[in-house]
Amino acid sequence: MTSEETFAEEVRRRRTALGLTQERLADLADVSRGTVRNIEGAVLDSTRSTRTAIRAALAGAESRTGAPQTPAATAGEVIARRLDAIAEAFPDDMFPDSEVVFHAVRRAYQHAARIARGEA
């Protein structure tokens, strides 16, 4: 499963749990309904800014409804999601003169996320 497929499942699960339509989520995230549809169908390689906007819109909707941001999530899963987000935040050109450092930092965060999930 690719990260886009995982993100697609996350968006669809959270949106439907909140009772939001694709159109309403698009309005909240300031993206087009087609973008939400394509993301949920895993046919769009979304940008980091689009993923951030959609996650922020979902979190905002969850906080307004009192819905848990991570339904039935363990502390490990919450930590793992945060570590995954940090790993993703490192753009490929962050360390142009030291690609080894960049990959080591990203791998460290990804490995920590797997540990938090109990996968490693």
PDB file of N, CA and C in Angstrom:
ATOM      1  N   MET A   1       0.852  -1.175   0.000  1.00  0.00           N
ATOM      2  CA  MET A   1       0.000   0.000   0.000  1.00  0.00           C
ATOM      3  C   MET A   1       0.897   1.237   0.000  1.00  0.00           C
ATOM      4  N   THR A   2       0.621   2.169  -0.891  1.00  0.00           N
ATOM      5  CA  THR A   2       1.421   3.385  -0.978  1.00  0.00           C
ATOM      6  C   THR A   2       0.948   4.402   0.050  1.00  0.00           C
ATOM      7  N   SER A   3       1.775   5.430   0.252  1.00  0.00           N
ATOM      8  CA  SER A   3       1.376   6.478   1.193  1.00  0.00           C
ATOM      9  C   SER A   3       0.130   7.208   0.699  1.00  0.00           C
ATOM     10  N   GLU A   4      -0.044   7.321  -0.636  1.00  0.00           N
ATOM     11  CA  GLU A   4      -1.249   7.973  -1.172  1.00  0.00           C
ATOM     12  C   GLU A   4      -2.489   7.136  -0.875  1.00  0.00           C
ATOM     13  N   GLU A   5      -2.373   5.792  -0.961  1.00  0.00           N
ATOM     14  CA  GLU A   5      -3.511   4.939  -0.646  1.00  0.00           C
ATOM     15  C   GLU A   5      -3.847   5.029   0.843  1.00  0.00           C
ATOM     16  N   THR A   6      -2.820   5.082   1.682  1.00  0.00           N
ATOM     17  CA  THR A   6      -3.032   5.222   3.122  1.00  0.00           C
ATOM     18  C   THR A   6      -3.700   6.555   3.430  1.00  0.00           C
ATOM     19  N   PHE A   7      -3.224   7.628   2.803  1.00  0.00           N
ATOM     20  CA  PHE A   7      -3.827   8.944   3.011  1.00  0.00           C
ATOM     21  C   PHE A   7      -5.268   8.941   2.516  1.00  0.00           C
ATOM     22  N   ALA A   8      -5.524   8.306   1.383  1.00  0.00           N
ATOM     23  CA  ALA A   8      -6.886   8.232   0.839  1.00  0.00           C
ATOM     24  C   ALA A   8      -7.824   7.555   1.834  1.00  0.00           C
ATOM     25  N   GLU A   9      -7.375   6.457   2.415  1.00  0.00           N
ATOM     26  CA  GLU A   9      -8.203   5.742   3.393  1.00  0.00           C
ATOM     27  C   GLU A   9      -8.436   6.597   4.631  1.00  0.00           C
ATOM     28  N   GLU A  10      -7.387   7.299   5.088  1.00  0.00           N
ATOM     29  CA  GLU A  10      -7.523   8.168   6.265  1.00  0.00           C
ATOM     30  C   GLU A  10      -8.563   9.256   6.017  1.00  0.00           C
ATOM     31  N   VAL A  11      -8.464   9.915   4.870  1.00  0.00           N
ATOM     32  CA  VAL A  11      -9.396  11.012   4.553  1.00  0.00           C
ATOM     33  C   VAL A  11     -10.825  10.486   4.481  1.00  0.00           C
ATOM     34  N   ARG A  12     -11.028   9.393   3.751  1.00  0.00           N
ATOM     35  CA  ARG A  12     -12.378   8.842   3.593  1.00  0.00           C
ATOM     36  C   ARG A  12     -12.953   8.419   4.948  1.00  0.00           C
ATOM     37  N   ARG A  13     -12.148   7.731   5.760  1.00  0.00           N
ATOM     38  CA  ARG A  13     -12.612   7.255   7.069  1.00  0.00           C
ATOM     39  C   ARG A  13     -13.000   8.414   7.976  1.00  0.00           C
ATOM     40  N   ARG A  14     -12.120   9.419   8.068  1.00  0.00           N
ATOM     41  CA  ARG A  14     -12.389  10.553   8.954  1.00  0.00           C
ATOM     42  C   ARG A  14     -13.553  11.393   8.449  1.00  0.00           C
ATOM     43  N   ARG A  15     -13.619  11.613   7.129  1.00  0.00           N
ATOM     44  CA  ARG A  15     -14.700  12.425   6.552  1.00  0.00           C
ATOM     45  C   ARG A  15     -16.049  11.770   6.800  1.00  0.00           C
ATOM     46  N   THR A  16     -16.139  10.480   6.525  1.00  0.00           N
ATOM     47  CA  THR A  16     -17.431   9.810   6.697  1.00  0.00           C
ATOM     48  C   THR A  16     -17.803   9.703   8.173  1.00  0.00           C
ATOM     49  N   ALA A  17     -16.818   9.516   9.058  1.00  0.00           N
ATOM     50  CA  ALA A  17     -17.111   9.464  10.497  1.00  0.00           C
ATOM     51  C   ALA A  17     -17.701  10.788  10.987  1.00  0.00           C
ATOM     52  N   LEU A  18     -17.288  11.879  10.344  1.00  0.00           N
ATOM     53  CA  LEU A  18     -17.795  13.203  10.711  1.00  0.00           C
ATOM     54  C   LEU A  18     -19.102  13.548   9.993  1.00  0.00           C
ATOM     55  N   GLY A  19     -19.498  12.713   9.046  1.00  0.00           N
ATOM     56  CA  GLY A  19     -20.718  12.990   8.288  1.00  0.00           C
ATOM     57  C   GLY A  19     -20.540  14.122   7.295  1.00  0.00           C
ATOM     58  N   LEU A  20     -19.310  14.370   6.873  1.00  0.00           N
ATOM     59  CA  LEU A  20     -19.045  15.433   5.906  1.00  0.00           C
ATOM     60  C   LEU A  20     -19.157  14.896   4.486  1.00  0.00           C
ATOM     61  N   THR A  21     -19.665  15.709   3.600  1.00  0.00           N
ATOM     62  CA  THR A  21     -19.635  15.368   2.183  1.00  0.00           C
ATOM     63  C   THR A  21     -18.262  15.755   1.644  1.00  0.00           C
ATOM     64  N   GLN A  22     -17.935  15.221   0.476  1.00  0.00           N
ATOM     65  CA  GLN A  22     -16.682  15.624  -0.165  1.00  0.00           C
ATOM     66  C   GLN A  22     -16.686  17.125  -0.436  1.00  0.00           C
ATOM     67  N   GLU A  23     -17.835  17.635  -0.824  1.00  0.00           N
ATOM     68  CA  GLU A  23     -17.956  19.061  -1.117  1.00  0.00           C
ATOM     69  C   GLU A  23     -17.699  19.910   0.135  1.00  0.00           C
ATOM     70  N   ARG A  24     -18.261  19.494   1.272  1.00  0.00           N
ATOM     71  CA  ARG A  24     -18.068  20.253   2.516  1.00  0.00           C
ATOM     72  C   ARG A  24     -16.615  20.210   2.956  1.00  0.00           C
ATOM     73  N   LEU A  25     -15.977  19.043   2.861  1.00  0.00           N
ATOM     74  CA  LEU A  25     -14.559  18.940   3.211  1.00  0.00           C
ATOM     75  C   LEU A  25     -13.726  19.821   2.287  1.00  0.00           C
ATOM     76  N   ALA A  26     -14.065  19.820   1.020  1.00  0.00           N
ATOM     77  CA  ALA A  26     -13.340  20.666   0.061  1.00  0.00           C
ATOM     78  C   ALA A  26     -13.458  22.138   0.446  1.00  0.00           C
ATOM     79  N   ASP A  27     -14.654  22.560   0.838  1.00  0.00           N
ATOM     80  CA  ASP A  27     -14.858  23.946   1.278  1.00  0.00           C
ATOM     81  C   ASP A  27     -14.008  24.265   2.505  1.00  0.00           C
ATOM     82  N   LEU A  28     -14.021  23.345   3.475  1.00  0.00           N
ATOM     83  CA  LEU A  28     -13.258  23.573   4.705  1.00  0.00           C
ATOM     84  C   LEU A  28     -11.752  23.627   4.444  1.00  0.00           C
ATOM     85  N   ALA A  29     -11.284  22.827   3.489  1.00  0.00           N
ATOM     86  CA  ALA A  29      -9.846  22.761   3.187  1.00  0.00           C
ATOM     87  C   ALA A  29      -9.431  23.746   2.103  1.00  0.00           C
ATOM     88  N   ASP A  30     -10.408  24.443   1.513  1.00  0.00           N
ATOM     89  CA  ASP A  30     -10.152  25.395   0.434  1.00  0.00           C
ATOM     90  C   ASP A  30      -9.476  24.719  -0.767  1.00  0.00           C
ATOM     91  N   VAL A  31     -10.030  23.557  -1.120  1.00  0.00           N
ATOM     92  CA  VAL A  31      -9.607  22.847  -2.330  1.00  0.00           C
ATOM     93  C   VAL A  31     -10.875  22.497  -3.104  1.00  0.00           C
ATOM     94  N   SER A  32     -10.716  22.017  -4.312  1.00  0.00           N
ATOM     95  CA  SER A  32     -11.894  21.667  -5.110  1.00  0.00           C
ATOM     96  C   SER A  32     -12.451  20.311  -4.674  1.00  0.00           C
ATOM     97  N   ARG A  33     -13.740  20.110  -4.956  1.00  0.00           N
ATOM     98  CA  ARG A  33     -14.353  18.818  -4.657  1.00  0.00           C
ATOM     99  C   ARG A  33     -13.658  17.724  -5.447  1.00  0.00           C
ATOM    100  N   GLY A  34     -13.250  18.044  -6.660  1.00  0.00           N
ATOM    101  CA  GLY A  34     -12.535  17.073  -7.497  1.00  0.00           C
ATOM    102  C   GLY A  34     -11.224  16.633  -6.868  1.00  0.00           C
ATOM    103  N   THR A  35     -10.561  17.558  -6.192  1.00  0.00           N
ATOM    104  CA  THR A  35      -9.318  17.203  -5.506  1.00  0.00           C
ATOM    105  C   THR A  35      -9.595  16.194  -4.403  1.00  0.00           C
ATOM    106  N   VAL A  36     -10.631  16.446  -3.604  1.00  0.00           N
ATOM    107  CA  VAL A  36     -10.988  15.506  -2.532  1.00  0.00           C
ATOM    108  C   VAL A  36     -11.371  14.158  -3.134  1.00  0.00           C
ATOM    109  N   ARG A  37     -12.178  14.174  -4.190  1.00  0.00           N
ATOM    110  CA  ARG A  37     -12.597  12.931  -4.849  1.00  0.00           C
ATOM    111  C   ARG A  37     -11.380  12.153  -5.361  1.00  0.00           C
ATOM    112  N   ASN A  38     -10.459  12.851  -6.013  1.00  0.00           N
ATOM    113  CA  ASN A  38      -9.272  12.183  -6.549  1.00  0.00           C
ATOM    114  C   ASN A  38      -8.354  11.666  -5.449  1.00  0.00           C
ATOM    115  N   ILE A  39      -8.247  12.405  -4.363  1.00  0.00           N
ATOM    116  CA  ILE A  39      -7.423  11.941  -3.242  1.00  0.00           C
ATOM    117  C   ILE A  39      -8.038  10.686  -2.642  1.00  0.00           C
ATOM    118  N   GLU A  40      -9.338  10.702  -2.396  1.00  0.00           N
ATOM    119  CA  GLU A  40      -9.995   9.530  -1.812  1.00  0.00           C
ATOM    120  C   GLU A  40      -9.932   8.326  -2.740  1.00  0.00           C
ATOM    121  N   GLY A  41      -9.866   8.567  -4.021  1.00  0.00           N
ATOM    122  CA  GLY A  41      -9.736   7.474  -4.981  1.00  0.00           C
ATOM    123  C   GLY A  41      -8.296   7.085  -5.229  1.00  0.00           C
ATOM    124  N   ALA A  42      -7.367   7.759  -4.534  1.00  0.00           N
ATOM    125  CA  ALA A  42      -5.923   7.509  -4.668  1.00  0.00           C
ATOM    126  C   ALA A  42      -5.452   7.655  -6.114  1.00  0.00           C
ATOM    127  N   VAL A  43      -6.101   8.565  -6.853  1.00  0.00           N
ATOM    128  CA  VAL A  43      -5.685   8.789  -8.239  1.00  0.00           C
ATOM    129  C   VAL A  43      -4.914  10.103  -8.382  1.00  0.00           C
ATOM    130  N   LEU A  44      -4.742  10.808  -7.278  1.00  0.00           N
ATOM    131  CA  LEU A  44      -4.041  12.081  -7.308  1.00  0.00           C
ATOM    132  C   LEU A  44      -2.867  12.020  -6.353  1.00  0.00           C
ATOM    133  N   ASP A  45      -1.686  12.322  -6.861  1.00  0.00           N
ATOM    134  CA  ASP A  45      -0.502  12.405  -6.011  1.00  0.00           C
ATOM    135  C   ASP A  45      -0.526  13.790  -5.386  1.00  0.00           C
ATOM    136  N   SER A  46      -1.144  13.888  -4.222  1.00  0.00           N
ATOM    137  CA  SER A  46      -1.391  15.187  -3.599  1.00  0.00           C
ATOM    138  C   SER A  46      -0.106  15.831  -3.101  1.00  0.00           C
ATOM    139  N   THR A  47      -0.120  17.147  -3.066  1.00  0.00           N
ATOM    140  CA  THR A  47       1.027  17.891  -2.563  1.00  0.00           C
ATOM    141  C   THR A  47       0.987  17.930  -1.042  1.00  0.00           C
ATOM    142  N   ARG A  48       2.100  18.216  -0.453  1.00  0.00           N
ATOM    143  CA  ARG A  48       2.175  18.314   1.002  1.00  0.00           C
ATOM    144  C   ARG A  48       1.213  19.379   1.511  1.00  0.00           C
ATOM    145  N   SER A  49       1.119  20.508   0.803  1.00  0.00           N
ATOM    146  CA  SER A  49       0.237  21.581   1.270  1.00  0.00           C
ATOM    147  C   SER A  49      -1.230  21.162   1.190  1.00  0.00           C
ATOM    148  N   THR A  50      -1.598  20.392   0.171  1.00  0.00           N
ATOM    149  CA  THR A  50      -2.977  19.905   0.068  1.00  0.00           C
ATOM    150  C   THR A  50      -3.269  18.921   1.182  1.00  0.00           C
ATOM    151  N   ARG A  51      -2.349  17.989   1.450  1.00  0.00           N
ATOM    152  CA  ARG A  51      -2.552  17.030   2.545  1.00  0.00           C
ATOM    153  C   ARG A  51      -2.681  17.753   3.876  1.00  0.00           C
ATOM    154  N   THR A  52      -1.834  18.763   4.087  1.00  0.00           N
ATOM    155  CA  THR A  52      -1.884  19.531   5.331  1.00  0.00           C
ATOM    156  C   THR A  52      -3.215  20.251   5.469  1.00  0.00           C
ATOM    157  N   ALA A  53      -3.693  20.869   4.383  1.00  0.00           N
ATOM    158  CA  ALA A  53      -4.964  21.596   4.425  1.00  0.00           C
ATOM    159  C   ALA A  53      -6.128  20.653   4.724  1.00  0.00           C
ATOM    160  N   ILE A  54      -6.121  19.480   4.120  1.00  0.00           N
ATOM    161  CA  ILE A  54      -7.208  18.527   4.349  1.00  0.00           C
ATOM    162  C   ILE A  54      -7.152  17.988   5.773  1.00  0.00           C
ATOM    163  N   ARG A  55      -5.960  17.650   6.244  1.00  0.00           N
ATOM    164  CA  ARG A  55      -5.849  17.169   7.628  1.00  0.00           C
ATOM    165  C   ARG A  55      -6.271  18.246   8.626  1.00  0.00           C
ATOM    166  N   ALA A  56      -5.901  19.492   8.357  1.00  0.00           N
ATOM    167  CA  ALA A  56      -6.291  20.588   9.253  1.00  0.00           C
ATOM    168  C   ALA A  56      -7.807  20.786   9.240  1.00  0.00           C
ATOM    169  N   ALA A  57      -8.417  20.694   8.065  1.00  0.00           N
ATOM    170  CA  ALA A  57      -9.874  20.838   7.967  1.00  0.00           C
ATOM    171  C   ALA A  57     -10.571  19.715   8.727  1.00  0.00           C
ATOM    172  N   LEU A  58     -10.075  18.498   8.601  1.00  0.00           N
ATOM    173  CA  LEU A  58     -10.667  17.375   9.327  1.00  0.00           C
ATOM    174  C   LEU A  58     -10.487  17.539  10.840  1.00  0.00           C
ATOM    175  N   ALA A  59      -9.302  17.967  11.252  1.00  0.00           N
ATOM    176  CA  ALA A  59      -9.054  18.171  12.684  1.00  0.00           C
ATOM    177  C   ALA A  59      -9.963  19.273  13.229  1.00  0.00           C
ATOM    178  N   GLY A  60     -10.133  20.337  12.458  1.00  0.00           N
ATOM    179  CA  GLY A  60     -11.017  21.420  12.884  1.00  0.00           C
ATOM    180  C   GLY A  60     -12.452  20.940  13.013  1.00  0.00           C
ATOM    181  N   ALA A  61     -12.907  20.144  12.048  1.00  0.00           N
ATOM    182  CA  ALA A  61     -14.273  19.610  12.105  1.00  0.00           C
ATOM    183  C   ALA A  61     -14.422  18.664  13.292  1.00  0.00           C
ATOM    184  N   GLU A  62     -13.400  17.879  13.561  1.00  0.00           N
ATOM    185  CA  GLU A  62     -13.445  16.961  14.702  1.00  0.00           C
ATOM    186  C   GLU A  62     -13.504  17.724  16.020  1.00  0.00           C
ATOM    187  N   SER A  63     -12.738  18.786  16.119  1.00  0.00           N
ATOM    188  CA  SER A  63     -12.734  19.540  17.379  1.00  0.00           C
ATOM    189  C   SER A  63     -14.064  20.265  17.597  1.00  0.00           C
ATOM    190  N   ARG A  64     -14.705  20.695  16.510  1.00  0.00           N
ATOM    191  CA  ARG A  64     -16.000  21.376  16.635  1.00  0.00           C
ATOM    192  C   ARG A  64     -17.115  20.407  17.007  1.00  0.00           C
ATOM    193  N   THR A  65     -17.002  19.163  16.561  1.00  0.00           N
ATOM    194  CA  THR A  65     -18.063  18.190  16.849  1.00  0.00           C
ATOM    195  C   THR A  65     -17.780  17.402  18.117  1.00  0.00           C
ATOM    196  N   GLY A  66     -16.592  17.563  18.645  1.00  0.00           N
ATOM    197  CA  GLY A  66     -16.220  16.800  19.838  1.00  0.00           C
ATOM    198  C   GLY A  66     -15.813  15.381  19.498  1.00  0.00           C
ATOM    199  N   ALA A  67     -15.732  15.076  18.204  1.00  0.00           N
ATOM    200  CA  ALA A  67     -15.317  13.736  17.793  1.00  0.00           C
ATOM    201  C   ALA A  67     -13.831  13.555  18.091  1.00  0.00           C
ATOM    202  N   PRO A  68     -13.435  12.373  18.469  1.00  0.00           N
ATOM    203  CA  PRO A  68     -12.011  12.151  18.724  1.00  0.00           C
ATOM    204  C   PRO A  68     -11.227  12.287  17.433  1.00  0.00           C
ATOM    205  N   GLN A  69     -10.064  12.894  17.513  1.00  0.00           N
ATOM    206  CA  GLN A  69      -9.260  13.069  16.313  1.00  0.00           C
ATOM    207  C   GLN A  69      -8.691  11.752  15.812  1.00  0.00           C
ATOM    208  N   THR A  70      -8.520  10.813  16.686  1.00  0.00           N
ATOM    209  CA  THR A  70      -8.014   9.508  16.290  1.00  0.00           C
ATOM    210  C   THR A  70      -8.888   8.453  16.955  1.00  0.00           C
ATOM    211  N   PRO A  71     -10.009   8.101  16.339  1.00  0.00           N
ATOM    212  CA  PRO A  71     -10.929   7.162  16.955  1.00  0.00           C
ATOM    213  C   PRO A  71     -10.225   5.866  17.335  1.00  0.00           C
ATOM    214  N   ALA A  72     -10.349   5.510  18.602  1.00  0.00           N
ATOM    215  CA  ALA A  72      -9.794   4.275  19.133  1.00  0.00           C
ATOM    216  C   ALA A  72      -8.298   4.133  18.885  1.00  0.00           C
ATOM    217  N   ALA A  73      -7.602   5.242  18.706  1.00  0.00           N
ATOM    218  CA  ALA A  73      -6.163   5.181  18.465  1.00  0.00           C
ATOM    219  C   ALA A  73      -5.430   5.002  19.785  1.00  0.00           C
ATOM    220  N   THR A  74      -4.412   4.188  19.730  1.00  0.00           N
ATOM    221  CA  THR A  74      -3.573   4.016  20.900  1.00  0.00           C
ATOM    222  C   THR A  74      -2.598   5.172  20.969  1.00  0.00           C
ATOM    223  N   ALA A  75      -1.979   5.339  22.109  1.00  0.00           N
ATOM    224  CA  ALA A  75      -0.968   6.389  22.233  1.00  0.00           C
ATOM    225  C   ALA A  75       0.157   6.148  21.231  1.00  0.00           C
ATOM    226  N   GLY A  76       0.502   4.889  21.032  1.00  0.00           N
ATOM    227  CA  GLY A  76       1.548   4.547  20.063  1.00  0.00           C
ATOM    228  C   GLY A  76       1.191   4.982  18.659  1.00  0.00           C
ATOM    229  N   GLU A  77      -0.075   4.806  18.282  1.00  0.00           N
ATOM    230  CA  GLU A  77      -0.499   5.208  16.942  1.00  0.00           C
ATOM    231  C   GLU A  77      -0.483   6.719  16.792  1.00  0.00           C
ATOM    232  N   VAL A  78      -0.883   7.430  17.829  1.00  0.00           N
ATOM    233  CA  VAL A  78      -0.839   8.893  17.782  1.00  0.00           C
ATOM    234  C   VAL A  78       0.603   9.352  17.602  1.00  0.00           C
ATOM    235  N   ILE A  79       1.501   8.776  18.369  1.00  0.00           N
ATOM    236  CA  ILE A  79       2.923   9.123  18.249  1.00  0.00           C
ATOM    237  C   ILE A  79       3.426   8.760  16.863  1.00  0.00           C
ATOM    238  N   ALA A  80       3.056   7.583  16.378  1.00  0.00           N
ATOM    239  CA  ALA A  80       3.507   7.149  15.061  1.00  0.00           C
ATOM    240  C   ALA A  80       3.035   8.108  13.974  1.00  0.00           C
ATOM    241  N   ARG A  81       1.797   8.575  14.050  1.00  0.00           N
ATOM    242  CA  ARG A  81       1.288   9.517  13.048  1.00  0.00           C
ATOM    243  C   ARG A  81       2.073  10.816  13.076  1.00  0.00           C
ATOM    244  N   ARG A  82       2.382  11.275  14.268  1.00  0.00           N
ATOM    245  CA  ARG A  82       3.162  12.518  14.372  1.00  0.00           C
ATOM    246  C   ARG A  82       4.561  12.327  13.803  1.00  0.00           C
ATOM    247  N   LEU A  83       5.188  11.187  14.099  1.00  0.00           N
ATOM    248  CA  LEU A  83       6.519  10.915  13.562  1.00  0.00           C
ATOM    249  C   LEU A  83       6.478  10.790  12.043  1.00  0.00           C
ATOM    250  N   ASP A  84       5.438  10.143  11.519  1.00  0.00           N
ATOM    251  CA  ASP A  84       5.288  10.051  10.063  1.00  0.00           C
ATOM    252  C   ASP A  84       5.163  11.439   9.444  1.00  0.00           C
ATOM    253  N   ALA A  85       4.397  12.315  10.083  1.00  0.00           N
ATOM    254  CA  ALA A  85       4.221  13.677   9.569  1.00  0.00           C
ATOM    255  C   ALA A  85       5.541  14.433   9.583  1.00  0.00           C
ATOM    256  N   ILE A  86       6.333  14.238  10.643  1.00  0.00           N
ATOM    257  CA  ILE A  86       7.640  14.893  10.711  1.00  0.00           C
ATOM    258  C   ILE A  86       8.537  14.375   9.602  1.00  0.00           C
ATOM    259  N   ALA A  87       8.560  13.058   9.404  1.00  0.00           N
ATOM    260  CA  ALA A  87       9.396  12.471   8.352  1.00  0.00           C
ATOM    261  C   ALA A  87       8.999  13.012   6.986  1.00  0.00           C
ATOM    262  N   GLU A  88       7.702  13.169   6.760  1.00  0.00           N
ATOM    263  CA  GLU A  88       7.207  13.665   5.480  1.00  0.00           C
ATOM    264  C   GLU A  88       7.532  15.145   5.282  1.00  0.00           C
ATOM    265  N   ALA A  89       7.717  15.858   6.383  1.00  0.00           N
ATOM    266  CA  ALA A  89       7.955  17.297   6.303  1.00  0.00           C
ATOM    267  C   ALA A  89       9.335  17.641   5.771  1.00  0.00           C
ATOM    268  N   PHE A  90      10.240  16.674   5.739  1.00  0.00           N
ATOM    269  CA  PHE A  90      11.571  16.938   5.222  1.00  0.00           C
ATOM    270  C   PHE A  90      11.541  16.909   3.704  1.00  0.00           C
ATOM    271  N   PRO A  91      11.621  18.067   3.049  1.00  0.00           N
ATOM    272  CA  PRO A  91      11.625  18.069   1.586  1.00  0.00           C
ATOM    273  C   PRO A  91      12.911  17.420   1.068  1.00  0.00           C
ATOM    274  N   ASP A  92      12.813  16.846  -0.126  1.00  0.00           N
ATOM    275  CA  ASP A  92      13.958  16.132  -0.687  1.00  0.00           C
ATOM    276  C   ASP A  92      15.199  17.002  -0.835  1.00  0.00           C
ATOM    277  N   ASP A  93      15.015  18.307  -0.984  1.00  0.00           N
ATOM    278  CA  ASP A  93      16.166  19.192  -1.186  1.00  0.00           C
ATOM    279  C   ASP A  93      16.582  19.923   0.086  1.00  0.00           C
ATOM    280  N   MET A  94      16.142  19.445   1.251  1.00  0.00           N
ATOM    281  CA  MET A  94      16.462  20.130   2.496  1.00  0.00           C
ATOM    282  C   MET A  94      17.968  20.141   2.768  1.00  0.00           C
ATOM    283  N   PHE A  95      18.623  19.040   2.473  1.00  0.00           N
ATOM    284  CA  PHE A  95      20.061  18.929   2.687  1.00  0.00           C
ATOM    285  C   PHE A  95      20.736  18.638   1.344  1.00  0.00           C
ATOM    286  N   PRO A  96      20.796  19.636   0.442  1.00  0.00           N
ATOM    287  CA  PRO A  96      21.306  19.369  -0.902  1.00  0.00           C
ATOM    288  C   PRO A  96      22.748  18.876  -0.921  1.00  0.00           C
ATOM    289  N   ASP A  97      23.561  19.300   0.040  1.00  0.00           N
ATOM    290  CA  ASP A  97      24.961  18.895   0.052  1.00  0.00           C
ATOM    291  C   ASP A  97      25.200  17.655   0.890  1.00  0.00           C
ATOM    292  N   SER A  98      24.173  17.179   1.531  1.00  0.00           N
ATOM    293  CA  SER A  98      24.332  16.032   2.405  1.00  0.00           C
ATOM    294  C   SER A  98      23.119  15.124   2.324  1.00  0.00           C
ATOM    295  N   GLU A  99      22.980  14.464   1.208  1.00  0.00           N
ATOM    296  CA  GLU A  99      21.836  13.582   0.988  1.00  0.00           C
ATOM    297  C   GLU A  99      21.801  12.456   2.016  1.00  0.00           C
ATOM    298  N   VAL A 100      22.967  12.021   2.463  1.00  0.00           N
ATOM    299  CA  VAL A 100      23.038  10.946   3.447  1.00  0.00           C
ATOM    300  C   VAL A 100      22.366  11.377   4.753  1.00  0.00           C
ATOM    301  N   VAL A 101      22.610  12.619   5.181  1.00  0.00           N
ATOM    302  CA  VAL A 101      22.004  13.129   6.412  1.00  0.00           C
ATOM    303  C   VAL A 101      20.489  13.163   6.265  1.00  0.00           C
ATOM    304  N   PHE A 102      20.023  13.690   5.149  1.00  0.00           N
ATOM    305  CA  PHE A 102      18.581  13.771   4.901  1.00  0.00           C
ATOM    306  C   PHE A 102      17.930  12.404   5.013  1.00  0.00           C
ATOM    307  N   HIS A 103      18.474  11.431   4.307  1.00  0.00           N
ATOM    308  CA  HIS A 103      17.874  10.097   4.319  1.00  0.00           C
ATOM    309  C   HIS A 103      17.975   9.449   5.697  1.00  0.00           C
ATOM    310  N   ALA A 104      19.050   9.701   6.399  1.00  0.00           N
ATOM    311  CA  ALA A 104      19.198   9.138   7.743  1.00  0.00           C
ATOM    312  C   ALA A 104      18.152   9.719   8.696  1.00  0.00           C
ATOM    313  N   VAL A 105      17.931  11.015   8.616  1.00  0.00           N
ATOM    314  CA  VAL A 105      16.940  11.656   9.487  1.00  0.00           C
ATOM    315  C   VAL A 105      15.548  11.133   9.162  1.00  0.00           C
ATOM    316  N   ARG A 106      15.206  11.087   7.881  1.00  0.00           N
ATOM    317  CA  ARG A 106      13.883  10.596   7.480  1.00  0.00           C
ATOM    318  C   ARG A 106      13.699   9.142   7.921  1.00  0.00           C
ATOM    319  N   ARG A 107      14.716   8.297   7.687  1.00  0.00           N
ATOM    320  CA  ARG A 107      14.613   6.888   8.092  1.00  0.00           C
ATOM    321  C   ARG A 107      14.469   6.753   9.602  1.00  0.00           C
ATOM    322  N   ALA A 108      15.152   7.605  10.353  1.00  0.00           N
ATOM    323  CA  ALA A 108      15.046   7.547  11.813  1.00  0.00           C
ATOM    324  C   ALA A 108      13.618   7.833  12.264  1.00  0.00           C
ATOM    325  N   TYR A 109      12.988   8.847  11.693  1.00  0.00           N
ATOM    326  CA  TYR A 109      11.604   9.152  12.057  1.00  0.00           C
ATOM    327  C   TYR A 109      10.660   8.033  11.613  1.00  0.00           C
ATOM    328  N   GLN A 110      10.891   7.492  10.429  1.00  0.00           N
ATOM    329  CA  GLN A 110      10.030   6.407   9.953  1.00  0.00           C
ATOM    330  C   GLN A 110      10.190   5.165  10.836  1.00  0.00           C
ATOM    331  N   HIS A 111      11.425   4.867  11.239  1.00  0.00           N
ATOM    332  CA  HIS A 111      11.667   3.714  12.104  1.00  0.00           C
ATOM    333  C   HIS A 111      11.010   3.937  13.479  1.00  0.00           C
ATOM    334  N   ALA A 112      11.124   5.137  14.002  1.00  0.00           N
ATOM    335  CA  ALA A 112      10.492   5.444  15.299  1.00  0.00           C
ATOM    336  C   ALA A 112       8.979   5.268  15.204  1.00  0.00           C
ATOM    337  N   ALA A 113       8.402   5.627  14.062  1.00  0.00           N
ATOM    338  CA  ALA A 113       6.958   5.455  13.870  1.00  0.00           C
ATOM    339  C   ALA A 113       6.608   3.967  13.858  1.00  0.00           C
ATOM    340  N   ARG A 114       7.428   3.143  13.197  1.00  0.00           N
ATOM    341  CA  ARG A 114       7.164   1.706  13.199  1.00  0.00           C
ATOM    342  C   ARG A 114       7.273   1.120  14.597  1.00  0.00           C
ATOM    343  N   ILE A 115       8.229   1.583  15.381  1.00  0.00           N
ATOM    344  CA  ILE A 115       8.382   1.118  16.758  1.00  0.00           C
ATOM    345  C   ILE A 115       7.148   1.494  17.561  1.00  0.00           C
ATOM    346  N   ALA A 116       6.682   2.737  17.396  1.00  0.00           N
ATOM    347  CA  ALA A 116       5.504   3.195  18.147  1.00  0.00           C
ATOM    348  C   ALA A 116       4.280   2.348  17.807  1.00  0.00           C
ATOM    349  N   ARG A 117       4.202   1.864  16.567  1.00  0.00           N
ATOM    350  CA  ARG A 117       3.077   1.013  16.163  1.00  0.00           C
ATOM    351  C   ARG A 117       3.258  -0.437  16.602  1.00  0.00           C
ATOM    352  N   GLY A 118       4.463  -0.753  17.078  1.00  0.00           N
ATOM    353  CA  GLY A 118       4.756  -2.127  17.460  1.00  0.00           C
ATOM    354  C   GLY A 118       5.115  -3.006  16.278  1.00  0.00           C
ATOM    355  N   GLU A 119       5.519  -2.381  15.184  1.00  0.00           N
ATOM    356  CA  GLU A 119       5.854  -3.128  13.960  1.00  0.00           C
ATOM    357  C   GLU A 119       7.321  -3.519  13.913  1.00  0.00           C
ATOM    358  N   ALA A 120       8.144  -2.933  14.754  1.00  0.00           N
ATOM    359  CA  ALA A 120       9.591  -3.231  14.682  1.00  0.00           C
ATOM    360  C   ALA A 120      10.104  -3.690  16.024  1.00  0.00           C
TER     361      ALA A 120
END
